Amino acid sequence: QGGQPIQIQASWNAESGAAFDWANDQISSFGVVDVIRDAEGIFTITFAQPFASDAYTVVGTSGSGNHTSAARAISIDTRTATNCTVRVERTDTGSQEDEPYNAIIIMGTQP
């Protein structure tokens, strides 16, 4: 659907909670200008280059260490051509978490 493929990736450490700062807490990134912590476990990722539309794929993972009693999941709250918002949650209670490892890969096409 459209132009050339784009792939974006980002990983970050959110264990600092409200003190989260993308410049200091990013682990790796490609094609991402910023990640903002909107609230506990909720992050908005802003892309360096917009997608053709909000019709792209987001895959995420979260958690560091042994979470056998309650895994962590990343859900996609919103998608636009220029950013997306993700939610990191415990799978047992649904409570949002600021985990030390969060990662996303986004694939789509440019305009």
Protein backbone atom coordinates (compact mmCIF):
# COMPACT_ATOMS: atom_id res chain seq x y z
CA GLN A 1 0.00 0.00 0.00
CA GLY A 2 2.01 2.95 -1.16
CA GLY A 3 5.66 3.85 -1.16
CA GLN A 4 8.88 2.42 0.12
CA PRO A 5 8.95 0.23 3.25
CA ILE A 6 9.96 1.82 6.56
CA GLN A 7 11.14 -0.01 9.65
CA ILE A 8 11.44 1.72 13.01
CA GLN A 9 12.70 0.26 16.26
CA ALA A 10 13.11 1.53 19.79
CA SER A 11 13.92 0.09 23.18
CA TRP A 12 14.03 1.93 26.50
CA ASN A 13 14.42 1.56 30.25
CA ALA A 14 11.45 3.06 32.12
CA GLU A 15 12.35 2.01 35.67
CA SER A 16 13.01 5.69 36.56
CA GLY A 17 9.23 6.22 36.40
CA ALA A 18 8.18 9.88 36.27
CA ALA A 19 11.85 10.87 35.81
CA PHE A 20 11.94 9.01 32.45
CA ASP A 21 13.96 10.92 29.85
CA TRP A 22 14.38 9.49 26.34
CA ALA A 23 17.82 11.07 25.96
CA ASN A 24 19.09 9.17 28.99
CA ASP A 25 16.86 6.08 29.09
CA GLN A 26 16.92 4.85 25.51
CA ILE A 27 18.65 1.54 24.98
CA SER A 28 18.57 1.60 21.17
CA SER A 29 16.59 3.23 18.40
CA PHE A 30 16.32 3.73 14.68
CA GLY A 31 13.88 6.15 13.08
CA VAL A 32 12.59 7.50 16.40
CA VAL A 33 12.91 11.15 17.46
CA ASP A 34 11.41 10.84 20.92
CA VAL A 35 9.65 8.61 23.41
CA ILE A 36 7.59 10.42 26.05
CA ARG A 37 6.22 8.84 29.21
CA ASP A 38 2.60 10.07 29.36
CA ALA A 39 1.76 8.21 32.58
CA GLU A 40 2.89 5.05 34.34
CA GLY A 41 3.35 2.42 31.63
CA ILE A 42 2.08 4.67 28.80
CA PHE A 43 4.53 5.93 26.17
CA THR A 44 4.19 7.92 22.95
CA ILE A 45 6.77 7.15 20.26
CA THR A 46 7.36 9.91 17.66
CA PHE A 47 8.79 8.86 14.31
CA ALA A 48 11.59 10.63 12.43
CA GLN A 49 9.75 10.04 9.14
CA PRO A 50 5.96 9.74 8.86
CA PHE A 51 4.25 6.63 7.57
CA ALA A 52 1.84 6.84 4.63
CA SER A 53 -1.08 6.38 7.07
CA ASP A 54 -1.89 4.67 10.36
CA ALA A 55 -1.97 1.31 8.52
CA TYR A 56 1.29 -0.12 9.87
CA THR A 57 2.30 -3.00 12.13
CA VAL A 58 3.57 -2.55 15.69
CA VAL A 59 5.15 -5.44 17.58
CA GLY A 60 6.28 -4.99 21.18
CA THR A 61 7.73 -6.77 24.16
CA SER A 62 8.33 -5.75 27.73
CA GLY A 63 9.85 -7.01 30.94
CA SER A 64 13.25 -7.77 32.31
CA GLY A 65 13.91 -10.79 34.45
CA ASN A 66 11.64 -13.64 35.44
CA HIS A 67 7.96 -12.72 35.15
CA THR A 68 6.56 -16.26 35.20
CA SER A 69 3.80 -15.34 37.65
CA ALA A 70 2.68 -12.30 35.62
CA ALA A 71 4.04 -11.59 32.16
CA ARG A 72 4.16 -8.08 30.70
CA ALA A 73 2.38 -7.10 27.52
CA ILE A 74 2.52 -4.07 25.23
CA SER A 75 -0.81 -2.92 23.81
CA ILE A 76 -1.21 -0.27 21.14
CA ASP A 77 -3.47 2.58 22.28
CA THR A 78 -3.29 4.88 19.24
CA ARG A 79 -1.61 5.02 15.82
CA THR A 80 -1.16 8.03 13.57
CA ALA A 81 1.17 8.56 10.62
CA THR A 82 3.64 10.40 12.88
CA ASN A 83 3.44 8.57 16.24
CA CYS A 84 1.91 5.79 18.26
CA THR A 85 1.08 5.34 21.93
CA VAL A 86 1.72 2.04 23.69
CA ARG A 87 0.68 0.70 27.10
CA VAL A 88 2.82 -1.68 29.17
CA GLU A 89 0.67 -3.86 31.44
CA ARG A 90 0.87 -6.84 33.77
CA THR A 91 -1.07 -9.71 32.22
CA ASP A 92 -2.56 -10.82 35.57
CA THR A 93 -3.94 -7.51 36.91
CA GLY A 94 -3.85 -5.21 33.87
CA SER A 95 -2.01 -2.58 35.92
CA GLN A 96 0.40 -0.39 33.98
CA GLU A 97 4.12 -0.82 34.66
CA ASP A 98 7.33 1.16 34.13
CA GLU A 99 9.56 -1.76 33.17
CA PRO A 100 13.37 -1.69 32.80
CA TYR A 101 13.12 -3.14 29.27
CA ASN A 102 10.54 -2.20 26.62
CA ALA A 103 10.94 -2.64 22.88
CA ILE A 104 8.93 -2.04 19.73
CA ILE A 105 9.39 -2.68 16.03
CA ILE A 106 7.13 -0.86 13.57
CA MET A 107 6.83 -1.70 9.87
CA GLY A 108 4.88 0.16 7.21
CA THR A 109 5.35 2.31 4.13
CA GLN A 110 6.29 5.94 3.58
CA PRO A 111 4.02 8.35 1.69
